[in-house]
N, C-alpha and C. Protein backbone atom coordinates (compact mmCIF):
# COMPACT_ATOMS: atom_id res chain seq x y z
N MET A 1 99.50 117.91 103.03
CA MET A 1 99.22 116.67 103.54
C MET A 1 99.49 115.20 102.39
N ALA A 2 99.03 115.22 101.16
CA ALA A 2 98.92 114.58 100.40
C ALA A 2 100.05 114.11 99.78
N SER A 3 99.93 112.82 99.44
CA SER A 3 101.44 112.11 98.83
C SER A 3 101.58 111.93 97.70
N SER A 4 102.64 111.39 97.37
CA SER A 4 103.18 110.88 95.91
C SER A 4 101.53 110.49 94.90
N ALA A 5 101.42 110.96 93.76
CA ALA A 5 100.09 110.33 93.17
C ALA A 5 100.97 109.15 92.82
N ALA A 6 102.46 108.77 92.51
CA ALA A 6 102.72 107.68 91.58
C ALA A 6 102.69 106.27 93.01
N TYR A 7 102.97 106.64 93.82
CA TYR A 7 102.73 105.61 95.19
C TYR A 7 101.44 105.48 95.64
N PHE A 8 100.47 106.32 95.52
CA PHE A 8 98.94 106.10 95.50
C PHE A 8 98.67 105.03 94.72
N ALA A 9 98.86 105.42 93.31
CA ALA A 9 98.07 104.82 92.45
C ALA A 9 98.87 103.33 92.58
N PHE A 10 99.67 103.16 92.98
CA PHE A 10 100.32 101.76 93.16
C PHE A 10 99.40 100.94 94.38
N SER A 11 99.23 101.91 95.62
CA SER A 11 98.43 101.32 96.45
C SER A 11 96.89 101.16 95.87
N VAL A 12 96.71 101.63 95.17
CA VAL A 12 95.13 101.67 94.40
C VAL A 12 95.17 99.81 93.75
N LEU A 13 96.24 100.05 92.78
CA LEU A 13 96.36 98.95 91.90
C LEU A 13 96.46 97.60 92.87
N VAL A 14 97.21 97.98 93.96
CA VAL A 14 97.36 96.46 94.60
C VAL A 14 96.14 96.44 95.18
N ALA A 15 95.33 96.97 95.83
CA ALA A 15 94.14 97.14 96.29
C ALA A 15 93.04 96.40 95.11
N LEU A 16 93.08 96.82 94.17
CA LEU A 16 92.41 96.15 93.07
C LEU A 16 92.65 94.91 92.89
N HIS A 17 93.82 94.54 92.96
CA HIS A 17 94.38 93.11 92.78
C HIS A 17 94.03 92.13 93.65
N LEU A 18 94.11 92.92 95.00
CA LEU A 18 93.68 91.87 95.70
C LEU A 18 92.06 91.54 95.90
N CYS A 19 91.36 92.47 95.41
CA CYS A 19 89.99 92.35 95.32
C CYS A 19 89.60 91.21 94.20
N CYS A 20 90.19 91.76 92.80
CA CYS A 20 90.25 90.62 91.89
C CYS A 20 90.30 89.40 92.36
N CYS A 21 91.50 89.16 92.93
CA CYS A 21 91.74 88.06 93.21
C CYS A 21 91.09 87.00 94.28
N HIS A 22 90.31 87.93 95.08
CA HIS A 22 89.44 87.60 96.10
C HIS A 22 88.34 87.05 95.27
N GLY A 23 88.00 87.65 94.57
CA GLY A 23 86.70 87.73 93.60
C GLY A 23 87.08 86.32 92.64
N GLN A 24 87.97 85.86 92.26
CA GLN A 24 88.01 84.77 91.21
C GLN A 24 88.05 83.62 92.34
N ALA A 25 88.77 83.57 93.50
CA ALA A 25 88.91 82.79 94.22
C ALA A 25 87.24 82.46 94.94
N ALA A 26 86.87 83.44 94.81
CA ALA A 26 85.10 82.79 95.44
C ALA A 26 84.56 82.24 94.38
N ASP A 27 84.34 82.92 93.23
CA ASP A 27 84.08 82.46 91.89
C ASP A 27 84.34 80.88 91.58
N ALA A 28 85.49 80.49 91.58
CA ALA A 28 86.01 79.32 91.73
C ALA A 28 85.30 78.29 92.69
N ALA A 29 84.89 78.62 94.03
CA ALA A 29 84.33 78.06 94.82
C ALA A 29 82.69 77.90 94.93
N GLY A 30 82.60 78.93 93.80
CA GLY A 30 81.04 78.75 93.39
C GLY A 30 80.20 79.89 94.33
N SER A 31 81.14 80.91 94.59
CA SER A 31 80.36 81.68 95.49
C SER A 31 80.43 83.30 94.57
N SER A 32 79.82 84.28 95.05
CA SER A 32 79.96 85.41 94.62
C SER A 32 81.12 86.14 94.78
N SER A 33 81.66 87.27 93.84
CA SER A 33 82.83 87.87 93.80
C SER A 33 82.66 89.26 94.94
N SER A 34 81.28 89.21 95.45
CA SER A 34 80.97 90.51 96.43
C SER A 34 81.30 89.83 97.97
N ASP A 35 81.86 88.68 98.04
CA ASP A 35 82.25 88.23 99.33
C ASP A 35 82.86 89.24 100.15
N VAL A 36 83.54 90.24 99.53
CA VAL A 36 84.27 91.29 100.53
C VAL A 36 83.06 92.30 101.14
N THR A 37 83.05 91.63 102.45
CA THR A 37 81.85 92.44 103.30
C THR A 37 82.48 93.68 104.12
N ALA A 38 83.92 93.90 104.16
CA ALA A 38 84.00 95.12 105.01
C ALA A 38 85.53 95.57 104.20
N ILE A 39 85.65 96.75 104.66
CA ILE A 39 87.17 97.30 104.20
C ILE A 39 87.70 98.22 105.67
N TYR A 40 88.58 97.95 105.92
CA TYR A 40 89.64 98.09 107.13
C TYR A 40 90.97 99.15 106.66
N SER A 41 91.10 100.45 106.70
CA SER A 41 91.86 101.14 106.06
C SER A 41 92.47 102.09 107.00
N LEU A 42 93.96 102.37 106.89
CA LEU A 42 94.78 103.25 107.07
C LEU A 42 95.37 104.07 106.11
N GLY A 43 96.01 105.01 106.54
CA GLY A 43 96.53 105.79 105.61
C GLY A 43 96.39 107.41 106.10
N ASP A 44 96.75 108.50 105.28
CA ASP A 44 96.87 109.82 105.14
C ASP A 44 95.75 110.47 104.71
N SER A 45 95.90 111.82 104.08
CA SER A 45 94.94 112.71 103.88
C SER A 45 93.70 111.95 102.70
N ILE A 46 94.72 110.87 101.92
CA ILE A 46 94.35 110.83 100.53
C ILE A 46 93.25 109.59 100.56
N THR A 47 93.14 109.43 102.04
CA THR A 47 91.97 108.24 102.38
C THR A 47 91.25 108.52 103.84
N ASP A 48 91.78 109.83 104.26
CA ASP A 48 90.84 110.04 105.33
C ASP A 48 89.73 110.44 105.27
N THR A 49 88.73 109.95 105.83
CA THR A 49 87.20 110.30 105.57
C THR A 49 86.55 111.04 106.65
N GLY A 50 87.44 111.44 107.39
CA GLY A 50 86.85 112.46 108.62
C GLY A 50 87.50 112.36 110.00
N ASN A 51 88.61 111.55 110.08
CA ASN A 51 88.87 111.61 111.43
C ASN A 51 89.75 112.64 111.67
N LEU A 52 90.49 113.54 111.00
CA LEU A 52 91.50 114.82 111.59
C LEU A 52 90.29 115.77 111.89
N ILE A 53 89.44 115.96 111.17
CA ILE A 53 88.44 116.86 111.53
C ILE A 53 87.79 116.41 113.17
N LYS A 54 87.63 115.49 113.53
CA LYS A 54 87.19 114.99 114.97
C LYS A 54 88.05 115.31 115.81
N GLU A 55 89.46 115.04 115.34
CA GLU A 55 90.47 114.94 116.71
C GLU A 55 91.27 116.26 116.61
N ALA A 56 91.17 117.49 115.61
CA ALA A 56 92.02 118.47 115.80
C ALA A 56 91.39 119.43 116.84
N PRO A 57 92.59 120.06 117.04
CA PRO A 57 91.94 121.32 117.98
C PRO A 57 91.16 122.32 117.51
N PRO A 58 90.31 122.79 118.35
CA PRO A 58 89.15 123.87 117.56
C PRO A 58 89.87 125.28 116.91
N GLY A 59 89.34 125.71 115.90
CA GLY A 59 90.30 126.67 115.13
C GLY A 59 91.04 125.62 114.14
N MET A 60 91.62 124.60 114.04
CA MET A 60 92.84 124.24 113.40
C MET A 60 91.75 123.39 112.22
N PHE A 61 92.62 123.65 110.96
CA PHE A 61 91.75 122.90 109.52
C PHE A 61 90.42 123.45 109.35
N GLU A 62 90.00 124.77 109.45
CA GLU A 62 88.80 125.03 109.40
C GLU A 62 88.63 124.72 107.84
N THR A 63 89.41 124.97 106.97
CA THR A 63 88.92 125.05 105.34
C THR A 63 88.36 123.92 105.07
N ILE A 64 88.46 122.81 105.35
CA ILE A 64 88.16 121.84 105.03
C ILE A 64 86.71 121.37 105.53
N LYS A 65 86.35 122.22 106.91
CA LYS A 65 85.31 122.12 107.20
C LYS A 65 83.75 122.78 106.57
N HIS A 66 84.38 123.53 105.21
CA HIS A 66 83.34 124.35 104.49
C HIS A 66 83.59 123.97 102.98
N LEU A 67 82.44 124.16 102.64
CA LEU A 67 82.13 124.35 101.20
C LEU A 67 83.44 124.92 100.17
N PRO A 68 84.18 124.56 99.51
CA PRO A 68 83.25 123.88 98.19
C PRO A 68 84.11 122.10 98.25
N TYR A 69 84.66 121.97 99.91
CA TYR A 69 84.94 120.50 100.26
C TYR A 69 83.75 120.20 100.70
N GLY A 70 83.43 118.66 100.18
CA GLY A 70 82.64 118.09 100.01
C GLY A 70 81.07 118.54 99.47
N ILE A 71 81.83 119.18 98.37
CA ILE A 71 80.23 119.71 97.51
C ILE A 71 79.55 118.71 96.72
N THR A 72 80.49 117.56 96.70
CA THR A 72 79.80 116.16 95.70
C THR A 72 78.90 115.55 96.73
N PHE A 73 78.81 115.93 97.95
CA PHE A 73 78.08 115.26 99.04
C PHE A 73 77.10 116.09 99.22
N GLY A 74 77.27 117.49 98.79
CA GLY A 74 76.34 118.51 99.29
C GLY A 74 76.79 119.23 100.73
N TYR A 75 77.62 118.65 101.64
CA TYR A 75 78.14 119.38 102.80
C TYR A 75 79.37 118.32 102.83
N PRO A 76 80.34 119.73 104.08
CA PRO A 76 81.41 119.10 104.06
C PRO A 76 81.77 117.91 104.79
N THR A 77 82.60 116.72 104.50
CA THR A 77 82.25 115.49 105.33
C THR A 77 83.75 115.66 105.90
N GLY A 78 84.83 115.98 105.83
CA GLY A 78 86.19 115.93 106.50
C GLY A 78 86.73 115.11 105.46
N ARG A 79 86.57 115.20 104.59
CA ARG A 79 87.60 114.79 103.77
C ARG A 79 88.58 115.60 102.72
N CYS A 80 89.58 115.63 102.47
CA CYS A 80 90.34 116.70 101.97
C CYS A 80 90.29 116.87 100.33
N SER A 81 88.98 116.67 100.21
CA SER A 81 88.88 116.75 98.70
C SER A 81 87.12 117.50 98.52
N ASP A 82 86.82 117.78 97.25
CA ASP A 82 85.43 118.54 97.00
C ASP A 82 84.65 117.30 96.56
N GLY A 83 85.21 116.04 96.20
CA GLY A 83 84.28 114.97 96.22
C GLY A 83 84.70 113.62 96.75
N LEU A 84 84.58 112.37 96.02
CA LEU A 84 84.84 111.05 96.68
C LEU A 84 86.43 110.94 96.47
N LEU A 85 87.02 110.00 97.38
CA LEU A 85 88.23 109.76 97.39
C LEU A 85 88.26 108.20 96.86
N MET A 86 89.47 107.92 96.49
CA MET A 86 89.61 106.71 95.85
C MET A 86 89.15 105.73 96.91
N ILE A 87 89.40 105.71 98.05
CA ILE A 87 88.80 104.33 98.95
C ILE A 87 87.30 104.41 98.64
N ASP A 88 86.59 105.89 98.28
CA ASP A 88 84.95 105.78 98.62
C ASP A 88 84.73 105.10 96.78
N PHE A 89 85.33 105.17 96.10
CA PHE A 89 85.51 104.45 94.62
C PHE A 89 85.10 102.78 94.83
N LEU A 90 86.45 102.74 95.50
CA LEU A 90 86.57 101.09 95.97
C LEU A 90 85.36 100.42 96.79
N ALA A 91 84.98 101.13 97.43
CA ALA A 91 83.72 100.66 98.47
C ALA A 91 82.74 100.52 97.23
N GLN A 92 82.51 101.56 96.94
CA GLN A 92 81.37 101.73 95.84
C GLN A 92 81.50 100.25 94.79
N ASP A 93 82.82 99.90 93.99
CA ASP A 93 82.99 98.84 93.46
C ASP A 93 82.75 97.74 94.15
N LEU A 94 83.04 97.53 95.56
CA LEU A 94 82.52 96.16 96.02
C LEU A 94 80.94 96.12 96.45
N GLY A 95 80.27 97.30 96.65
CA GLY A 95 78.75 97.27 96.79
C GLY A 95 78.67 97.41 98.15
N LEU A 96 79.78 98.34 98.98
CA LEU A 96 79.71 98.67 100.48
C LEU A 96 79.50 100.05 100.63
N PRO A 97 78.85 100.22 102.00
CA PRO A 97 78.77 102.10 102.10
C PRO A 97 80.20 102.47 102.32
N PHE A 98 80.34 103.80 102.28
CA PHE A 98 81.61 104.65 102.53
C PHE A 98 81.81 104.63 103.58
N LEU A 99 83.13 104.23 103.94
CA LEU A 99 83.94 104.12 105.02
C LEU A 99 83.90 105.41 106.41
N ASN A 100 83.10 104.79 107.38
CA ASN A 100 83.00 105.97 108.44
C ASN A 100 84.34 105.74 109.28
N PRO A 101 84.78 107.31 109.53
CA PRO A 101 85.73 107.54 110.27
C PRO A 101 85.93 106.63 111.72
N TYR A 102 86.88 106.02 112.28
CA TYR A 102 86.76 105.58 113.71
C TYR A 102 86.28 106.27 114.66
N LEU A 103 86.75 107.70 114.34
CA LEU A 103 86.32 108.63 115.59
C LEU A 103 84.84 109.28 115.17
N GLY A 104 84.13 108.56 114.18
CA GLY A 104 82.62 109.12 114.11
C GLY A 104 81.80 108.56 115.45
N LYS A 105 81.16 109.64 115.78
CA LYS A 105 80.27 109.13 116.80
C LYS A 105 78.80 108.54 116.65
N ASN A 106 78.21 107.51 117.10
CA ASN A 106 77.03 106.81 116.69
C ASN A 106 77.36 106.40 115.22
N LYS A 107 78.62 106.00 114.86
CA LYS A 107 78.76 105.52 113.30
C LYS A 107 78.46 104.00 113.44
N SER A 108 78.35 103.46 112.04
CA SER A 108 78.03 102.07 112.13
C SER A 108 79.53 101.58 111.53
N PHE A 109 80.14 100.45 112.33
CA PHE A 109 81.52 99.93 111.59
C PHE A 109 80.80 98.70 110.91
N ASP A 110 79.87 97.88 110.80
CA ASP A 110 79.20 96.90 110.42
C ASP A 110 80.17 96.53 109.03
N HIS A 111 80.69 97.70 108.17
CA HIS A 111 81.24 97.07 106.73
C HIS A 111 82.67 97.73 106.81
N GLY A 112 83.33 97.84 107.95
CA GLY A 112 84.56 98.23 107.77
C GLY A 112 84.68 99.82 108.69
N VAL A 113 85.73 99.95 108.63
CA VAL A 113 86.05 101.71 109.42
C VAL A 113 87.18 102.08 108.70
N ASN A 114 87.56 103.31 109.06
CA ASN A 114 88.88 104.09 108.52
C ASN A 114 89.35 104.64 109.44
N PHE A 115 90.91 104.16 109.89
CA PHE A 115 91.82 104.79 110.62
C PHE A 115 92.62 105.83 110.29
N ALA A 116 92.68 105.72 108.54
CA ALA A 116 93.39 106.81 108.20
C ALA A 116 93.20 108.52 108.45
N VAL A 117 94.40 109.17 108.97
CA VAL A 117 94.50 110.41 109.58
C VAL A 117 94.90 111.46 108.57
N ALA A 118 94.71 112.62 107.91
CA ALA A 118 95.21 113.57 107.10
C ALA A 118 96.64 113.94 107.91
N GLY A 119 97.57 113.92 107.47
CA GLY A 119 98.44 114.37 107.88
C GLY A 119 99.45 113.46 108.53
N ALA A 120 99.18 112.12 108.49
CA ALA A 120 99.96 110.99 109.11
C ALA A 120 101.34 110.40 108.53
N THR A 121 102.13 109.98 109.14
CA THR A 121 103.29 109.57 108.86
C THR A 121 103.48 107.82 108.93
N ALA A 122 104.06 107.45 108.06
CA ALA A 122 104.68 106.01 108.36
C ALA A 122 105.29 106.04 109.26
N MET A 123 106.44 106.49 109.22
CA MET A 123 107.23 106.25 110.76
C MET A 123 106.74 107.12 111.93
N ASP A 124 107.18 106.42 113.03
CA ASP A 124 106.79 107.24 114.38
C ASP A 124 108.03 108.87 114.16
N PRO A 125 107.26 109.87 114.06
CA PRO A 125 108.06 111.04 114.21
C PRO A 125 109.40 111.03 115.40
N THR A 126 109.22 110.29 116.42
CA THR A 126 110.20 110.52 117.28
C THR A 126 111.57 109.40 116.89
N ASP A 127 111.06 108.46 116.12
CA ASP A 127 112.01 107.36 115.68
C ASP A 127 112.59 107.88 114.63
N GLN A 128 112.60 108.60 113.97
CA GLN A 128 112.94 109.03 112.42
C GLN A 128 113.69 110.64 112.56
N PHE A 129 113.03 110.96 113.47
CA PHE A 129 113.74 112.50 113.46
C PHE A 129 114.53 112.81 114.96
N ASN A 130 113.85 111.79 115.70
CA ASN A 130 114.22 112.40 117.23
C ASN A 130 113.53 113.63 117.63
N GLY A 131 112.17 113.76 117.35
CA GLY A 131 111.64 114.98 117.67
C GLY A 131 111.88 116.56 116.97
N ARG A 132 112.86 116.46 116.33
CA ARG A 132 113.52 117.70 115.69
C ARG A 132 113.03 118.02 114.26
N PHE A 133 111.65 118.14 113.95
CA PHE A 133 111.35 118.58 112.66
C PHE A 133 110.06 119.17 112.64
N PHE A 134 109.72 119.68 111.68
CA PHE A 134 108.51 120.09 111.45
C PHE A 134 106.95 119.05 111.34
N ALA A 135 106.07 119.23 112.31
CA ALA A 135 105.31 118.28 112.40
C ALA A 135 103.69 118.76 112.27
N PRO A 136 103.14 117.80 112.19
CA PRO A 136 101.63 118.25 112.68
C PRO A 136 100.94 118.08 114.02
N PHE A 137 100.19 118.95 114.71
CA PHE A 137 99.73 118.84 116.20
C PHE A 137 99.82 118.02 116.66
N SER A 138 99.73 116.71 115.97
CA SER A 138 99.75 115.41 116.56
C SER A 138 100.11 114.17 115.72
N SER A 139 100.91 113.04 116.27
CA SER A 139 101.15 112.20 115.22
C SER A 139 100.35 111.25 115.25
N ASN A 140 100.00 110.54 114.04
CA ASN A 140 99.03 109.27 113.52
C ASN A 140 100.00 108.42 112.74
N SER A 141 100.80 108.02 113.41
CA SER A 141 101.49 107.00 112.29
C SER A 141 101.06 106.01 111.88
N LEU A 142 101.28 104.78 111.26
CA LEU A 142 100.89 104.03 111.18
C LEU A 142 101.05 103.07 112.44
N ASN A 143 102.16 103.06 113.19
CA ASN A 143 102.01 102.66 114.39
C ASN A 143 101.06 102.87 115.35
N VAL A 144 100.60 103.91 115.45
CA VAL A 144 99.24 104.66 116.14
C VAL A 144 98.11 104.00 115.54
N GLN A 145 97.97 104.08 114.41
CA GLN A 145 96.73 103.66 113.72
C GLN A 145 96.52 102.20 113.81
N LEU A 146 97.56 101.38 113.79
CA LEU A 146 97.53 100.03 114.31
C LEU A 146 97.18 99.84 115.62
N SER A 147 97.37 100.80 116.39
CA SER A 147 97.27 100.56 117.96
C SER A 147 95.52 100.49 118.09
N VAL A 148 94.91 101.49 117.38
CA VAL A 148 93.59 101.85 117.29
C VAL A 148 92.61 100.81 116.33
N THR A 149 93.07 99.98 115.61
CA THR A 149 92.53 99.19 114.99
C THR A 149 91.70 97.84 115.73
N ILE A 150 91.18 97.51 114.73
CA ILE A 150 89.96 96.19 114.96
C ILE A 150 90.76 95.24 116.10
N PHE A 151 92.23 95.00 115.75
CA PHE A 151 92.89 94.07 116.63
C PHE A 151 93.04 94.66 117.98
N THR A 152 92.71 95.69 118.56
CA THR A 152 93.05 96.42 119.81
C THR A 152 91.90 96.85 120.34
N ARG A 153 90.84 97.49 119.48
CA ARG A 153 89.52 97.89 119.64
C ARG A 153 88.44 97.01 119.84
N ALA A 154 87.78 96.96 120.78
CA ALA A 154 86.59 96.43 120.95
C ALA A 154 85.29 96.62 119.94
N ILE A 155 85.78 96.81 118.64
CA ILE A 155 84.31 97.23 117.96
C ILE A 155 83.67 96.03 117.70
N PHE A 156 84.27 94.61 117.82
CA PHE A 156 83.64 93.46 118.13
C PHE A 156 84.47 92.48 118.95
N VAL A 157 84.15 91.44 119.34
CA VAL A 157 84.39 90.64 120.11
C VAL A 157 85.59 89.77 119.49
N SER A 158 86.93 89.43 120.18
CA SER A 158 87.73 88.71 119.68
C SER A 158 87.82 87.83 118.75
N ALA A 159 86.85 86.66 119.33
CA ALA A 159 86.44 85.69 118.66
C ALA A 159 86.09 85.68 117.17
N ASP A 160 85.46 86.88 117.25
CA ASP A 160 84.90 87.06 115.72
C ASP A 160 85.88 87.65 114.78
N ILE A 161 86.99 88.15 114.98
CA ILE A 161 87.93 88.90 114.30
C ILE A 161 88.41 87.97 113.37
N ARG A 162 88.84 86.99 113.19
CA ARG A 162 89.28 86.24 112.48
C ARG A 162 88.47 85.83 111.22
N LYS A 163 87.13 85.44 111.97
CA LYS A 163 85.96 85.33 110.77
C LYS A 163 85.60 86.44 109.79
N ARG A 164 85.87 87.78 110.73
CA ARG A 164 85.43 89.09 109.81
C ARG A 164 86.67 89.25 108.96
N LEU A 165 87.52 88.79 109.47
CA LEU A 165 88.84 89.42 108.20
C LEU A 165 88.93 88.54 107.04
N GLN A 166 88.36 87.18 107.10
CA GLN A 166 88.40 86.02 105.96
C GLN A 166 87.50 86.53 105.03
N SER A 167 86.65 87.63 104.91
CA SER A 167 85.84 88.62 104.08
C SER A 167 86.04 89.85 103.88
N SER A 168 87.20 90.46 104.54
CA SER A 168 87.26 91.61 104.46
C SER A 168 88.70 91.84 103.61
N LEU A 169 88.62 93.43 103.31
CA LEU A 169 89.91 93.93 102.70
C LEU A 169 90.62 94.85 103.47
N VAL A 170 92.01 94.76 103.72
CA VAL A 170 92.74 95.40 104.78
C VAL A 170 93.59 96.56 104.14
N LEU A 171 93.32 97.51 104.03
CA LEU A 171 94.10 98.72 102.87
C LEU A 171 94.98 99.55 103.67
N ILE A 172 96.20 99.25 103.39
CA ILE A 172 97.43 99.98 104.10
C ILE A 172 97.97 101.04 103.23
N GLY A 173 97.67 102.06 103.46
CA GLY A 173 97.77 103.27 101.83
C GLY A 173 96.78 103.57 101.68
N GLU A 174 97.04 105.02 100.93
CA GLU A 174 98.34 105.54 100.90
C GLU A 174 98.62 106.24 101.90
N ILE A 175 100.05 105.98 102.34
CA ILE A 175 100.83 106.50 103.31
C ILE A 175 102.75 106.56 103.03
N GLY A 176 103.24 107.55 103.63
CA GLY A 176 104.81 107.63 103.53
C GLY A 176 104.96 108.90 103.24
N GLY A 177 104.22 109.55 102.22
CA GLY A 177 104.48 110.99 101.47
C GLY A 177 104.63 111.64 102.40
N ASN A 178 104.31 112.29 103.58
CA ASN A 178 104.44 112.86 104.62
C ASN A 178 105.49 112.93 105.44
N ASP A 179 106.28 111.54 105.47
CA ASP A 179 107.54 111.62 106.09
C ASP A 179 108.77 112.67 105.38
N TYR A 180 108.25 112.37 104.21
CA TYR A 180 109.40 113.32 103.15
C TYR A 180 108.91 114.86 103.33
N ASN A 181 107.53 114.97 103.22
CA ASN A 181 107.37 116.44 103.10
C ASN A 181 107.53 117.04 104.39
N TYR A 182 107.26 116.55 105.54
CA TYR A 182 107.99 117.41 106.68
C TYR A 182 109.43 117.25 107.08
N ALA A 183 109.94 116.08 106.55
CA ALA A 183 111.29 115.95 106.73
C ALA A 183 112.17 117.20 105.68
N LEU A 184 111.49 117.61 104.92
CA LEU A 184 111.80 118.65 103.77
C LEU A 184 112.28 119.95 104.35
N PHE A 185 111.43 120.28 105.46
CA PHE A 185 111.35 121.83 106.12
C PHE A 185 112.76 121.48 106.86
N GLY A 186 113.75 120.90 106.99
CA GLY A 186 114.80 120.71 107.55
C GLY A 186 116.18 120.17 107.17
N LYS A 187 115.67 119.39 106.08
CA LYS A 187 116.88 118.43 105.16
C LYS A 187 116.62 119.12 103.88
N ASN A 188 117.89 118.83 103.06
CA ASN A 188 117.90 118.69 101.99
C ASN A 188 117.38 117.57 100.94
N VAL A 189 117.10 117.77 99.90
CA VAL A 189 116.76 116.29 99.09
C VAL A 189 117.40 115.03 99.22
N SER A 190 118.89 115.11 99.06
CA SER A 190 119.60 114.12 99.06
C SER A 190 119.72 113.19 101.00
N GLU A 191 119.35 114.25 101.81
CA GLU A 191 119.09 113.76 103.04
C GLU A 191 117.85 113.01 103.00
N VAL A 192 116.90 114.00 102.85
CA VAL A 192 115.56 112.90 102.52
C VAL A 192 115.50 111.72 102.02
N GLU A 193 116.24 111.45 101.02
CA GLU A 193 116.04 110.41 100.36
C GLU A 193 116.82 109.22 100.93
N LYS A 194 117.58 109.63 102.03
CA LYS A 194 118.04 108.30 102.99
C LYS A 194 117.16 108.00 103.74
N LEU A 195 116.05 108.61 103.73
CA LEU A 195 114.63 107.85 104.71
C LEU A 195 113.74 106.98 103.96
N ILE A 196 113.94 106.91 102.91
CA ILE A 196 113.03 106.01 101.94
C ILE A 196 112.99 104.53 102.38
N PRO A 197 114.22 104.05 102.27
CA PRO A 197 114.51 102.72 103.31
C PRO A 197 113.75 102.30 104.66
N GLY A 198 113.99 103.14 105.17
CA GLY A 198 113.07 102.99 106.81
C GLY A 198 111.59 103.29 106.41
N VAL A 199 110.96 104.05 105.46
CA VAL A 199 109.67 104.18 105.35
C VAL A 199 109.18 103.13 104.67
N VAL A 200 109.68 102.88 103.72
CA VAL A 200 108.98 101.56 102.64
C VAL A 200 109.54 100.31 103.99
N ARG A 201 110.20 99.87 104.66
CA ARG A 201 110.43 98.98 105.87
C ARG A 201 109.14 98.85 106.73
N THR A 202 109.02 100.17 107.41
CA THR A 202 107.70 100.77 108.15
C THR A 202 106.28 100.07 107.52
N ILE A 203 106.00 100.54 106.42
CA ILE A 203 105.08 99.94 105.55
C ILE A 203 104.73 98.55 105.20
N ILE A 204 106.16 97.82 105.14
CA ILE A 204 106.10 96.82 105.01
C ILE A 204 105.66 95.71 106.08
N ASP A 205 106.33 95.97 107.21
CA ASP A 205 106.02 95.59 108.87
C ASP A 205 104.51 95.79 109.09
N ALA A 206 104.15 96.79 108.69
CA ALA A 206 102.79 97.11 108.99
C ALA A 206 101.98 96.10 108.32
N ALA A 207 102.35 95.92 107.26
CA ALA A 207 101.26 94.83 106.33
C ALA A 207 101.51 93.63 107.06
N LYS A 208 102.52 93.21 107.64
CA LYS A 208 102.30 91.79 108.21
C LYS A 208 102.26 91.78 109.24
N VAL A 209 101.78 92.83 109.87
CA VAL A 209 100.67 92.59 111.44
C VAL A 209 100.01 91.54 111.48
């Protein structure tokens, strides 16, 4: 489910750059660099803090429901890791709580929310493969994740969205690696390489929404 380390590192650097720039701008205005009050995250397993577990059919992905997954917390959290994810370290650095998955029941979204789902693709599978490829049990492409974000979900009233985003970090990624992972089940490397422009364009277009 995880994507390339190189692309993930790039995503993290971009996120940190945005945070630093935001902090410098705030300092110049006489404010604190801790003015980022919320994070809204989209992505795949490298950023999923529990959405896959919430929507997976019974009996699927049982492994990450048990230790050692989540051992750093003392209990499984739905993360595909035994400890913190980079999104967790980013939240800590900004002095924010860990992001709750948007499918979490009775969870606070006051400081942001995580829409990332393990196994997610950047492109819609039907658009990229015409439905003819190995895929997870459901599609959680960027388009799907965007459809349930703060822009369309009533997490808070629409009049408050602009104000909240002024002090928020919107993180798109890491995502895209699964597009290639799934394609490799039916295509050779040369064919998969041809998918790169479309995947990159999808991520860019999502960032512009």
